[in-house]
Amino acid sequence: MELSQMREPLIVGIILMGAFFVFCIFAVIRSQRRKLSAGTEDMIGKVAQTQTALNPRGTVLAEGELWTAIAEGNRIRSGEEVIITKIEGLRLWVRRKEKEDE
């Protein structure tokens, strides 16, 4: 093989590796700028589903976990959707989800 025939694949390989590194750098920068979403503070305003009737205390499924919940206001039946309004320790305070919440 001549030297000129070996240069073309080498140049293409170098360009592809450079493009891959640039992509990786941009991916890391974008991931570092993303808002951190962890902890219970992030759950306020999210929808949960009641597993037991809340009268006023019961159990809800929120973010894939079972939580003890206290209903704000009237009794809430099992299977209804609720909105998380406050968190105290390991208890969620919830209210019934209304149509305007959608």
PDB file of N, CA and C in Angstrom:
ATOM      1  N   MET A   1       0.828  -1.179   0.000  1.00  0.00           N
ATOM      2  CA  MET A   1       0.000   0.000   0.000  1.00  0.00           C
ATOM      3  C   MET A   1       0.874   1.245   0.000  1.00  0.00           C
ATOM      4  N   GLU A   2       0.452   2.215  -0.780  1.00  0.00           N
ATOM      5  CA  GLU A   2       1.196   3.455  -0.828  1.00  0.00           C
ATOM      6  C   GLU A   2       0.821   4.357   0.339  1.00  0.00           C
ATOM      7  N   LEU A   3       1.660   5.295   0.600  1.00  0.00           N
ATOM      8  CA  LEU A   3       1.450   6.224   1.694  1.00  0.00           C
ATOM      9  C   LEU A   3       0.179   7.046   1.486  1.00  0.00           C
ATOM     10  N   SER A   4      -0.107   7.448   0.248  1.00  0.00           N
ATOM     11  CA  SER A   4      -1.294   8.263  -0.028  1.00  0.00           C
ATOM     12  C   SER A   4      -2.575   7.460   0.202  1.00  0.00           C
ATOM     13  N   GLN A   5      -2.547   6.149  -0.006  1.00  0.00           N
ATOM     14  CA  GLN A   5      -3.724   5.308   0.218  1.00  0.00           C
ATOM     15  C   GLN A   5      -3.972   5.096   1.716  1.00  0.00           C
ATOM     16  N   MET A   6      -2.943   5.157   2.520  1.00  0.00           N
ATOM     17  CA  MET A   6      -3.090   4.952   3.959  1.00  0.00           C
ATOM     18  C   MET A   6      -3.573   6.223   4.662  1.00  0.00           C
ATOM     19  N   ARG A   7      -3.343   7.393   4.061  1.00  0.00           N
ATOM     20  CA  ARG A   7      -3.708   8.653   4.692  1.00  0.00           C
ATOM     21  C   ARG A   7      -5.214   8.839   4.800  1.00  0.00           C
ATOM     22  N   GLU A   8      -5.963   8.489   3.772  1.00  0.00           N
ATOM     23  CA  GLU A   8      -7.406   8.733   3.753  1.00  0.00           C
ATOM     24  C   GLU A   8      -8.131   8.043   4.913  1.00  0.00           C
ATOM     25  N   PRO A   9      -7.952   6.743   5.146  1.00  0.00           N
ATOM     26  CA  PRO A   9      -8.642   6.125   6.286  1.00  0.00           C
ATOM     27  C   PRO A   9      -8.173   6.693   7.627  1.00  0.00           C
ATOM     28  N   LEU A  10      -6.917   7.072   7.704  1.00  0.00           N
ATOM     29  CA  LEU A  10      -6.380   7.647   8.930  1.00  0.00           C
ATOM     30  C   LEU A  10      -7.028   9.002   9.209  1.00  0.00           C
ATOM     31  N   ILE A  11      -7.163   9.837   8.203  1.00  0.00           N
ATOM     32  CA  ILE A  11      -7.785  11.145   8.360  1.00  0.00           C
ATOM     33  C   ILE A  11      -9.252  10.991   8.744  1.00  0.00           C
ATOM     34  N   VAL A  12      -9.973  10.085   8.104  1.00  0.00           N
ATOM     35  CA  VAL A  12     -11.385   9.843   8.428  1.00  0.00           C
ATOM     36  C   VAL A  12     -11.508   9.363   9.875  1.00  0.00           C
ATOM     37  N   GLY A  13     -10.638   8.474  10.303  1.00  0.00           N
ATOM     38  CA  GLY A  13     -10.662   7.982  11.678  1.00  0.00           C
ATOM     39  C   GLY A  13     -10.419   9.086  12.687  1.00  0.00           C
ATOM     40  N   ILE A  14      -9.480   9.960  12.406  1.00  0.00           N
ATOM     41  CA  ILE A  14      -9.182  11.082  13.305  1.00  0.00           C
ATOM     42  C   ILE A  14     -10.372  12.030  13.385  1.00  0.00           C
ATOM     43  N   ILE A  15     -11.013  12.305  12.259  1.00  0.00           N
ATOM     44  CA  ILE A  15     -12.185  13.187  12.251  1.00  0.00           C
ATOM     45  C   ILE A  15     -13.321  12.567  13.051  1.00  0.00           C
ATOM     46  N   LEU A  16     -13.564  11.280  12.886  1.00  0.00           N
ATOM     47  CA  LEU A  16     -14.628  10.609  13.630  1.00  0.00           C
ATOM     48  C   LEU A  16     -14.350  10.606  15.132  1.00  0.00           C
ATOM     49  N   MET A  17     -13.102  10.362  15.521  1.00  0.00           N
ATOM     50  CA  MET A  17     -12.755  10.386  16.948  1.00  0.00           C
ATOM     51  C   MET A  17     -12.932  11.787  17.517  1.00  0.00           C
ATOM     52  N   GLY A  18     -12.547  12.797  16.774  1.00  0.00           N
ATOM     53  CA  GLY A  18     -12.723  14.182  17.228  1.00  0.00           C
ATOM     54  C   GLY A  18     -14.196  14.519  17.413  1.00  0.00           C
ATOM     55  N   ALA A  19     -15.036  14.102  16.458  1.00  0.00           N
ATOM     56  CA  ALA A  19     -16.477  14.357  16.565  1.00  0.00           C
ATOM     57  C   ALA A  19     -17.054  13.641  17.789  1.00  0.00           C
ATOM     58  N   PHE A  20     -16.603  12.424  18.056  1.00  0.00           N
ATOM     59  CA  PHE A  20     -17.080  11.675  19.219  1.00  0.00           C
ATOM     60  C   PHE A  20     -16.704  12.390  20.521  1.00  0.00           C
ATOM     61  N   PHE A  21     -15.488  12.879  20.627  1.00  0.00           N
ATOM     62  CA  PHE A  21     -15.051  13.592  21.821  1.00  0.00           C
ATOM     63  C   PHE A  21     -15.831  14.895  22.022  1.00  0.00           C
ATOM     64  N   VAL A  22     -16.098  15.620  20.934  1.00  0.00           N
ATOM     65  CA  VAL A  22     -16.884  16.850  21.028  1.00  0.00           C
ATOM     66  C   VAL A  22     -18.295  16.518  21.516  1.00  0.00           C
ATOM     67  N   PHE A  23     -18.898  15.447  20.984  1.00  0.00           N
ATOM     68  CA  PHE A  23     -20.220  15.014  21.433  1.00  0.00           C
ATOM     69  C   PHE A  23     -20.202  14.690  22.925  1.00  0.00           C
ATOM     70  N   CYS A  24     -19.199  13.980  23.386  1.00  0.00           N
ATOM     71  CA  CYS A  24     -19.098  13.619  24.810  1.00  0.00           C
ATOM     72  C   CYS A  24     -18.972  14.855  25.692  1.00  0.00           C
ATOM     73  N   ILE A  25     -18.191  15.813  25.278  1.00  0.00           N
ATOM     74  CA  ILE A  25     -18.007  17.032  26.060  1.00  0.00           C
ATOM     75  C   ILE A  25     -19.329  17.787  26.174  1.00  0.00           C
ATOM     76  N   PHE A  26     -20.065  17.934  25.067  1.00  0.00           N
ATOM     77  CA  PHE A  26     -21.346  18.621  25.123  1.00  0.00           C
ATOM     78  C   PHE A  26     -22.356  17.858  25.979  1.00  0.00           C
ATOM     79  N   ALA A  27     -22.346  16.544  25.941  1.00  0.00           N
ATOM     80  CA  ALA A  27     -23.260  15.747  26.761  1.00  0.00           C
ATOM     81  C   ALA A  27     -22.973  15.940  28.248  1.00  0.00           C
ATOM     82  N   VAL A  28     -21.716  15.995  28.617  1.00  0.00           N
ATOM     83  CA  VAL A  28     -21.352  16.210  30.022  1.00  0.00           C
ATOM     84  C   VAL A  28     -21.763  17.612  30.466  1.00  0.00           C
ATOM     85  N   ILE A  29     -21.520  18.606  29.656  1.00  0.00           N
ATOM     86  CA  ILE A  29     -21.890  19.985  30.006  1.00  0.00           C
ATOM     87  C   ILE A  29     -23.400  20.098  30.171  1.00  0.00           C
ATOM     88  N   ARG A  30     -24.167  19.514  29.271  1.00  0.00           N
ATOM     89  CA  ARG A  30     -25.628  19.572  29.349  1.00  0.00           C
ATOM     90  C   ARG A  30     -26.146  18.863  30.596  1.00  0.00           C
ATOM     91  N   SER A  31     -25.550  17.742  30.955  1.00  0.00           N
ATOM     92  CA  SER A  31     -26.009  17.021  32.144  1.00  0.00           C
ATOM     93  C   SER A  31     -25.687  17.786  33.424  1.00  0.00           C
ATOM     94  N   GLN A  32     -24.616  18.565  33.437  1.00  0.00           N
ATOM     95  CA  GLN A  32     -24.254  19.337  34.619  1.00  0.00           C
ATOM     96  C   GLN A  32     -25.165  20.549  34.810  1.00  0.00           C
ATOM     97  N   ARG A  33     -25.763  21.031  33.752  1.00  0.00           N
ATOM     98  CA  ARG A  33     -26.647  22.198  33.835  1.00  0.00           C
ATOM     99  C   ARG A  33     -28.068  21.820  34.204  1.00  0.00           C
ATOM    100  N   ARG A  34     -28.412  20.557  34.116  1.00  0.00           N
ATOM    101  CA  ARG A  34     -29.768  20.102  34.395  1.00  0.00           C
ATOM    102  C   ARG A  34     -30.108  20.296  35.864  1.00  0.00           C
ATOM    103  N   LYS A  35     -31.359  20.694  36.145  1.00  0.00           N
ATOM    104  CA  LYS A  35     -31.802  20.919  37.516  1.00  0.00           C
ATOM    105  C   LYS A  35     -31.825  19.591  38.270  1.00  0.00           C
ATOM    106  N   LEU A  36     -31.306  19.623  39.478  1.00  0.00           N
ATOM    107  CA  LEU A  36     -31.303  18.441  40.327  1.00  0.00           C
ATOM    108  C   LEU A  36     -32.718  18.198  40.832  1.00  0.00           C
ATOM    109  N   SER A  37     -33.216  16.988  40.645  1.00  0.00           N
ATOM    110  CA  SER A  37     -34.566  16.668  41.115  1.00  0.00           C
ATOM    111  C   SER A  37     -34.500  15.440  42.009  1.00  0.00           C
ATOM    112  N   ALA A  38     -34.252  15.700  43.251  1.00  0.00           N
ATOM    113  CA  ALA A  38     -34.192  14.619  44.230  1.00  0.00           C
ATOM    114  C   ALA A  38     -34.719  15.149  45.544  1.00  0.00           C
ATOM    115  N   GLY A  39     -35.217  14.258  46.347  1.00  0.00           N
ATOM    116  CA  GLY A  39     -35.712  14.664  47.651  1.00  0.00           C
ATOM    117  C   GLY A  39     -37.207  14.917  47.634  1.00  0.00           C
ATOM    118  N   THR A  40     -37.711  15.114  48.815  1.00  0.00           N
ATOM    119  CA  THR A  40     -39.148  15.267  48.964  1.00  0.00           C
ATOM    120  C   THR A  40     -39.656  16.618  48.486  1.00  0.00           C
ATOM    121  N   GLU A  41     -38.823  17.648  48.479  1.00  0.00           N
ATOM    122  CA  GLU A  41     -39.274  18.969  48.037  1.00  0.00           C
ATOM    123  C   GLU A  41     -39.792  18.926  46.604  1.00  0.00           C
ATOM    124  N   ASP A  42     -39.235  18.056  45.810  1.00  0.00           N
ATOM    125  CA  ASP A  42     -39.617  17.935  44.407  1.00  0.00           C
ATOM    126  C   ASP A  42     -41.006  17.310  44.249  1.00  0.00           C
ATOM    127  N   MET A  43     -41.524  16.673  45.275  1.00  0.00           N
ATOM    128  CA  MET A  43     -42.809  15.982  45.179  1.00  0.00           C
ATOM    129  C   MET A  43     -44.002  16.923  45.322  1.00  0.00           C
ATOM    130  N   ILE A  44     -43.820  18.095  45.904  1.00  0.00           N
ATOM    131  CA  ILE A  44     -44.932  19.017  46.117  1.00  0.00           C
ATOM    132  C   ILE A  44     -45.498  19.440  44.761  1.00  0.00           C
ATOM    133  N   GLY A  45     -46.819  19.307  44.635  1.00  0.00           N
ATOM    134  CA  GLY A  45     -47.500  19.638  43.379  1.00  0.00           C
ATOM    135  C   GLY A  45     -47.685  18.446  42.462  1.00  0.00           C
ATOM    136  N   LYS A  46     -47.082  17.318  42.780  1.00  0.00           N
ATOM    137  CA  LYS A  46     -47.204  16.125  41.941  1.00  0.00           C
ATOM    138  C   LYS A  46     -48.475  15.356  42.284  1.00  0.00           C
ATOM    139  N   VAL A  47     -48.871  14.490  41.371  1.00  0.00           N
ATOM    140  CA  VAL A  47     -50.084  13.686  41.529  1.00  0.00           C
ATOM    141  C   VAL A  47     -49.727  12.360  42.175  1.00  0.00           C
ATOM    142  N   ALA A  48     -50.584  11.909  43.089  1.00  0.00           N
ATOM    143  CA  ALA A  48     -50.457  10.600  43.727  1.00  0.00           C
ATOM    144  C   ALA A  48     -51.819   9.910  43.643  1.00  0.00           C
ATOM    145  N   GLN A  49     -51.854   8.631  43.920  1.00  0.00           N
ATOM    146  CA  GLN A  49     -53.108   7.872  43.882  1.00  0.00           C
ATOM    147  C   GLN A  49     -53.363   7.257  45.245  1.00  0.00           C
ATOM    148  N   THR A  50     -54.586   7.409  45.731  1.00  0.00           N
ATOM    149  CA  THR A  50     -54.920   6.855  47.045  1.00  0.00           C
ATOM    150  C   THR A  50     -55.016   5.337  46.953  1.00  0.00           C
ATOM    151  N   GLN A  51     -54.439   4.664  47.913  1.00  0.00           N
ATOM    152  CA  GLN A  51     -54.500   3.206  47.990  1.00  0.00           C
ATOM    153  C   GLN A  51     -55.563   2.778  48.993  1.00  0.00           C
ATOM    154  N   THR A  52     -55.794   3.605  50.010  1.00  0.00           N
ATOM    155  CA  THR A  52     -56.863   3.402  50.982  1.00  0.00           C
ATOM    156  C   THR A  52     -57.639   4.707  51.067  1.00  0.00           C
ATOM    157  N   ALA A  53     -58.825   4.644  51.636  1.00  0.00           N
ATOM    158  CA  ALA A  53     -59.603   5.867  51.826  1.00  0.00           C
ATOM    159  C   ALA A  53     -58.869   6.767  52.814  1.00  0.00           C
ATOM    160  N   LEU A  54     -58.893   8.061  52.548  1.00  0.00           N
ATOM    161  CA  LEU A  54     -58.279   9.032  53.451  1.00  0.00           C
ATOM    162  C   LEU A  54     -59.399   9.680  54.251  1.00  0.00           C
ATOM    163  N   ASN A  55     -59.434   9.369  55.555  1.00  0.00           N
ATOM    164  CA  ASN A  55     -60.522   9.856  56.399  1.00  0.00           C
ATOM    165  C   ASN A  55     -60.005  10.308  57.748  1.00  0.00           C
ATOM    166  N   PRO A  56     -59.241  11.233  57.984  1.00  0.00           N
ATOM    167  CA  PRO A  56     -58.437  11.992  57.032  1.00  0.00           C
ATOM    168  C   PRO A  56     -57.108  11.317  56.715  1.00  0.00           C
ATOM    169  N   ARG A  57     -56.764  10.226  57.427  1.00  0.00           N
ATOM    170  CA  ARG A  57     -55.467   9.580  57.245  1.00  0.00           C
ATOM    171  C   ARG A  57     -55.627   8.291  56.441  1.00  0.00           C
ATOM    172  N   GLY A  58     -54.632   7.986  55.620  1.00  0.00           N
ATOM    173  CA  GLY A  58     -54.637   6.758  54.836  1.00  0.00           C
ATOM    174  C   GLY A  58     -53.308   6.586  54.125  1.00  0.00           C
ATOM    175  N   THR A  59     -53.330   5.832  53.025  1.00  0.00           N
ATOM    176  CA  THR A  59     -52.109   5.527  52.279  1.00  0.00           C
ATOM    177  C   THR A  59     -52.270   5.951  50.824  1.00  0.00           C
ATOM    178  N   VAL A  60     -51.200   6.548  50.268  1.00  0.00           N
ATOM    179  CA  VAL A  60     -51.182   6.925  48.851  1.00  0.00           C
ATOM    180  C   VAL A  60     -49.931   6.350  48.186  1.00  0.00           C
ATOM    181  N   LEU A  61     -50.011   6.179  46.878  1.00  0.00           N
ATOM    182  CA  LEU A  61     -48.867   5.750  46.076  1.00  0.00           C
ATOM    183  C   LEU A  61     -48.344   6.990  45.353  1.00  0.00           C
ATOM    184  N   ALA A  62     -47.134   7.404  45.712  1.00  0.00           N
ATOM    185  CA  ALA A  62     -46.520   8.591  45.114  1.00  0.00           C
ATOM    186  C   ALA A  62     -45.099   8.256  44.691  1.00  0.00           C
ATOM    187  N   GLU A  63     -44.782   8.552  43.433  1.00  0.00           N
ATOM    188  CA  GLU A  63     -43.435   8.299  42.910  1.00  0.00           C
ATOM    189  C   GLU A  63     -43.027   6.833  43.088  1.00  0.00           C
ATOM    190  N   GLY A  64     -43.998   5.923  42.981  1.00  0.00           N
ATOM    191  CA  GLY A  64     -43.705   4.496  43.078  1.00  0.00           C
ATOM    192  C   GLY A  64     -43.532   3.981  44.492  1.00  0.00           C
ATOM    193  N   GLU A  65     -43.819   4.804  45.491  1.00  0.00           N
ATOM    194  CA  GLU A  65     -43.665   4.391  46.892  1.00  0.00           C
ATOM    195  C   GLU A  65     -44.957   4.638  47.651  1.00  0.00           C
ATOM    196  N   LEU A  66     -45.217   3.803  48.669  1.00  0.00           N
ATOM    197  CA  LEU A  66     -46.379   3.997  49.532  1.00  0.00           C
ATOM    198  C   LEU A  66     -46.036   4.990  50.639  1.00  0.00           C
ATOM    199  N   TRP A  67     -46.927   5.950  50.853  1.00  0.00           N
ATOM    200  CA  TRP A  67     -46.735   6.990  51.855  1.00  0.00           C
ATOM    201  C   TRP A  67     -47.979   7.085  52.733  1.00  0.00           C
ATOM    202  N   THR A  68     -47.784   7.457  53.982  1.00  0.00           N
ATOM    203  CA  THR A  68     -48.903   7.816  54.835  1.00  0.00           C
ATOM    204  C   THR A  68     -49.316   9.222  54.440  1.00  0.00           C
ATOM    205  N   ALA A  69     -50.619   9.418  54.263  1.00  0.00           N
ATOM    206  CA  ALA A  69     -51.096  10.721  53.808  1.00  0.00           C
ATOM    207  C   ALA A  69     -52.242  11.200  54.681  1.00  0.00           C
ATOM    208  N   ILE A  70     -52.375  12.509  54.753  1.00  0.00           N
ATOM    209  CA  ILE A  70     -53.466  13.142  55.473  1.00  0.00           C
ATOM    210  C   ILE A  70     -54.206  14.026  54.482  1.00  0.00           C
ATOM    211  N   ALA A  71     -55.523  13.833  54.403  1.00  0.00           N
ATOM    212  CA  ALA A  71     -56.339  14.600  53.469  1.00  0.00           C
ATOM    213  C   ALA A  71     -56.638  15.974  54.037  1.00  0.00           C
ATOM    214  N   GLU A  72     -56.507  16.973  53.201  1.00  0.00           N
ATOM    215  CA  GLU A  72     -56.925  18.320  53.556  1.00  0.00           C
ATOM    216  C   GLU A  72     -58.375  18.465  53.099  1.00  0.00           C
ATOM    217  N   GLY A  73     -59.255  18.654  54.008  1.00  0.00           N
ATOM    218  CA  GLY A  73     -60.657  18.796  53.633  1.00  0.00           C
ATOM    219  C   GLY A  73     -61.431  17.513  53.862  1.00  0.00           C
ATOM    220  N   ASN A  74     -62.307  17.200  52.935  1.00  0.00           N
ATOM    221  CA  ASN A  74     -63.214  16.063  53.071  1.00  0.00           C
ATOM    222  C   ASN A  74     -62.525  14.722  52.861  1.00  0.00           C
ATOM    223  N   ARG A  75     -63.269  13.659  53.148  1.00  0.00           N
ATOM    224  CA  ARG A  75     -62.809  12.281  52.947  1.00  0.00           C
ATOM    225  C   ARG A  75     -62.542  12.051  51.463  1.00  0.00           C
ATOM    226  N   ILE A  76     -61.486  11.300  51.167  1.00  0.00           N
ATOM    227  CA  ILE A  76     -61.141  10.968  49.779  1.00  0.00           C
ATOM    228  C   ILE A  76     -61.182   9.455  49.647  1.00  0.00           C
ATOM    229  N   ARG A  77     -61.898   8.971  48.643  1.00  0.00           N
ATOM    230  CA  ARG A  77     -62.052   7.523  48.446  1.00  0.00           C
ATOM    231  C   ARG A  77     -60.783   6.887  47.893  1.00  0.00           C
ATOM    232  N   SER A  78     -60.704   5.582  48.060  1.00  0.00           N
ATOM    233  CA  SER A  78     -59.586   4.805  47.517  1.00  0.00           C
ATOM    234  C   SER A  78     -59.628   4.846  45.991  1.00  0.00           C
ATOM    235  N   GLY A  79     -58.462   4.957  45.364  1.00  0.00           N
ATOM    236  CA  GLY A  79     -58.365   4.952  43.905  1.00  0.00           C
ATOM    237  C   GLY A  79     -58.438   6.327  43.269  1.00  0.00           C
ATOM    238  N   GLU A  80     -58.662   7.371  44.048  1.00  0.00           N
ATOM    239  CA  GLU A  80     -58.734   8.721  43.496  1.00  0.00           C
ATOM    240  C   GLU A  80     -57.354   9.333  43.381  1.00  0.00           C
ATOM    241  N   GLU A  81     -57.223  10.288  42.462  1.00  0.00           N
ATOM    242  CA  GLU A  81     -55.967  11.017  42.323  1.00  0.00           C
ATOM    243  C   GLU A  81     -55.982  12.223  43.254  1.00  0.00           C
ATOM    244  N   VAL A  82     -54.845  12.488  43.852  1.00  0.00           N
ATOM    245  CA  VAL A  82     -54.687  13.610  44.775  1.00  0.00           C
ATOM    246  C   VAL A  82     -53.436  14.398  44.405  1.00  0.00           C
ATOM    247  N   ILE A  83     -53.371  15.625  44.870  1.00  0.00           N
ATOM    248  CA  ILE A  83     -52.211  16.491  44.657  1.00  0.00           C
ATOM    249  C   ILE A  83     -51.486  16.641  45.997  1.00  0.00           C
ATOM    250  N   ILE A  84     -50.177  16.475  45.984  1.00  0.00           N
ATOM    251  CA  ILE A  84     -49.375  16.628  47.198  1.00  0.00           C
ATOM    252  C   ILE A  84     -49.172  18.122  47.453  1.00  0.00           C
ATOM    253  N   THR A  85     -49.560  18.578  48.661  1.00  0.00           N
ATOM    254  CA  THR A  85     -49.469  19.997  48.982  1.00  0.00           C
ATOM    255  C   THR A  85     -48.379  20.315  50.004  1.00  0.00           C
ATOM    256  N   LYS A  86     -48.052  19.348  50.859  1.00  0.00           N
ATOM    257  CA  LYS A  86     -47.060  19.611  51.914  1.00  0.00           C
ATOM    258  C   LYS A  86     -46.468  18.283  52.367  1.00  0.00           C
ATOM    259  N   ILE A  87     -45.255  18.333  52.884  1.00  0.00           N
ATOM    260  CA  ILE A  87     -44.595  17.133  53.397  1.00  0.00           C
ATOM    261  C   ILE A  87     -44.073  17.449  54.790  1.00  0.00           C
ATOM    262  N   GLU A  88     -44.433  16.607  55.743  1.00  0.00           N
ATOM    263  CA  GLU A  88     -43.932  16.728  57.110  1.00  0.00           C
ATOM    264  C   GLU A  88     -43.344  15.386  57.506  1.00  0.00           C
ATOM    265  N   GLY A  89     -42.042  15.317  57.574  1.00  0.00           N
ATOM    266  CA  GLY A  89     -41.396  14.048  57.900  1.00  0.00           C
ATOM    267  C   GLY A  89     -41.697  13.012  56.838  1.00  0.00           C
ATOM    268  N   LEU A  90     -42.360  11.934  57.241  1.00  0.00           N
ATOM    269  CA  LEU A  90     -42.724  10.881  56.292  1.00  0.00           C
ATOM    270  C   LEU A  90     -44.218  10.884  55.994  1.00  0.00           C
ATOM    271  N   ARG A  91     -44.885  12.018  56.212  1.00  0.00           N
ATOM    272  CA  ARG A  91     -46.310  12.149  55.922  1.00  0.00           C
ATOM    273  C   ARG A  91     -46.525  13.178  54.825  1.00  0.00           C
ATOM    274  N   LEU A  92     -47.414  12.824  53.913  1.00  0.00           N
ATOM    275  CA  LEU A  92     -47.798  13.745  52.849  1.00  0.00           C
ATOM    276  C   LEU A  92     -49.154  14.348  53.191  1.00  0.00           C
ATOM    277  N   TRP A  93     -49.310  15.618  52.947  1.00  0.00           N
ATOM    278  CA  TRP A  93     -50.601  16.283  53.036  1.00  0.00           C
ATOM    279  C   TRP A  93     -51.095  16.416  51.601  1.00  0.00           C
ATOM    280  N   VAL A  94     -52.321  15.977  51.364  1.00  0.00           N
ATOM    281  CA  VAL A  94     -52.840  15.942  49.996  1.00  0.00           C
ATOM    282  C   VAL A  94     -54.237  16.557  49.945  1.00  0.00           C
ATOM    283  N   ARG A  95     -54.624  16.942  48.725  1.00  0.00           N
ATOM    284  CA  ARG A  95     -55.992  17.385  48.457  1.00  0.00           C
ATOM    285  C   ARG A  95     -56.475  16.686  47.196  1.00  0.00           C
ATOM    286  N   ARG A  96     -57.781  16.558  47.088  1.00  0.00           N
ATOM    287  CA  ARG A  96     -58.376  15.888  45.926  1.00  0.00           C
ATOM    288  C   ARG A  96     -58.003  16.656  44.655  1.00  0.00           C
ATOM    289  N   LYS A  97     -57.668  15.922  43.596  1.00  0.00           N
ATOM    290  CA  LYS A  97     -57.347  16.535  42.307  1.00  0.00           C
ATOM    291  C   LYS A  97     -58.644  16.951  41.627  1.00  0.00           C
ATOM    292  N   GLU A  98     -58.716  18.190  41.266  1.00  0.00           N
ATOM    293  CA  GLU A  98     -59.894  18.725  40.576  1.00  0.00           C
ATOM    294  C   GLU A  98     -59.623  18.802  39.084  1.00  0.00           C
ATOM    295  N   LYS A  99     -60.684  19.031  38.293  1.00  0.00           N
ATOM    296  CA  LYS A  99     -60.515  19.094  36.832  1.00  0.00           C
ATOM    297  C   LYS A  99     -59.603  20.241  36.408  1.00  0.00           C
ATOM    298  N   GLU A 100     -59.648  21.372  37.133  1.00  0.00           N
ATOM    299  CA  GLU A 100     -58.792  22.496  36.766  1.00  0.00           C
ATOM    300  C   GLU A 100     -57.325  22.246  37.061  1.00  0.00           C
ATOM    301  N   ASP A 101     -56.995  21.185  37.808  1.00  0.00           N
ATOM    302  CA  ASP A 101     -55.603  20.829  38.092  1.00  0.00           C
ATOM    303  C   ASP A 101     -54.939  20.144  36.902  1.00  0.00           C
ATOM    304  N   GLU A 102     -55.697  19.724  35.933  1.00  0.00           N
ATOM    305  CA  GLU A 102     -55.154  18.937  34.818  1.00  0.00           C
ATOM    306  C   GLU A 102     -54.463  19.781  33.798  1.00  0.00           C
TER     307      GLU A 102
END
